[in-house]
Amino acid sequence: MLKTTMGMSERLACKAVGLSRSTYRRLPQAQTPTDPDSGLREQLRTYARKNPRHGFRRAWAWLRFDEGAQINKKKIHRLWKEEGLQVRRAPRRKRAGQSSVPIIDADAPKVVWTLDFQFDSTTDGKQSRSRPWSMNTPACRC
């Protein structure tokens, strides 16, 4: 009002009223869009559905270089976290030497039988394996 009626500059009018210039320039809540990044969020969701093992850096590179959008990487990271689009971790590989079968304790004779393999090599370098039958359990003394 001071600008139009008194012909004051914006800076002087805001100083006279005690209002910051950023508050003066800010749009009212009714005029601001609900979510200015809704289109970008939708693009990120579709990209994450198509490529579940890609993270936000690859999504940013796709938007930047393939789609031609000039977008800040930090903004993509913020939207990626807000949408909950985390990379699904690869399933853990089974380690050698760890069995999922429970160990059976020998509480009586002839409960647990084991096989013992013996490996040897021939003169020409080929591996040979022999399997002598034996009971190697601590509970059985035969």
Foldseek 3Di string as FASTA:
>chain_A
DCCVPVVDDLVVVCVVVVHDSVVVPDDDPVPDDPDPCPVVLVQVVVVCVVPLQDDLVVVVCCCCPVVVDDDDSVVSVVSCVVVVSDRDDDDDDDDPPDDPDDDDADPAPPPDADWDKDWDADPVGDIDIDIDGDRDHPRDDD
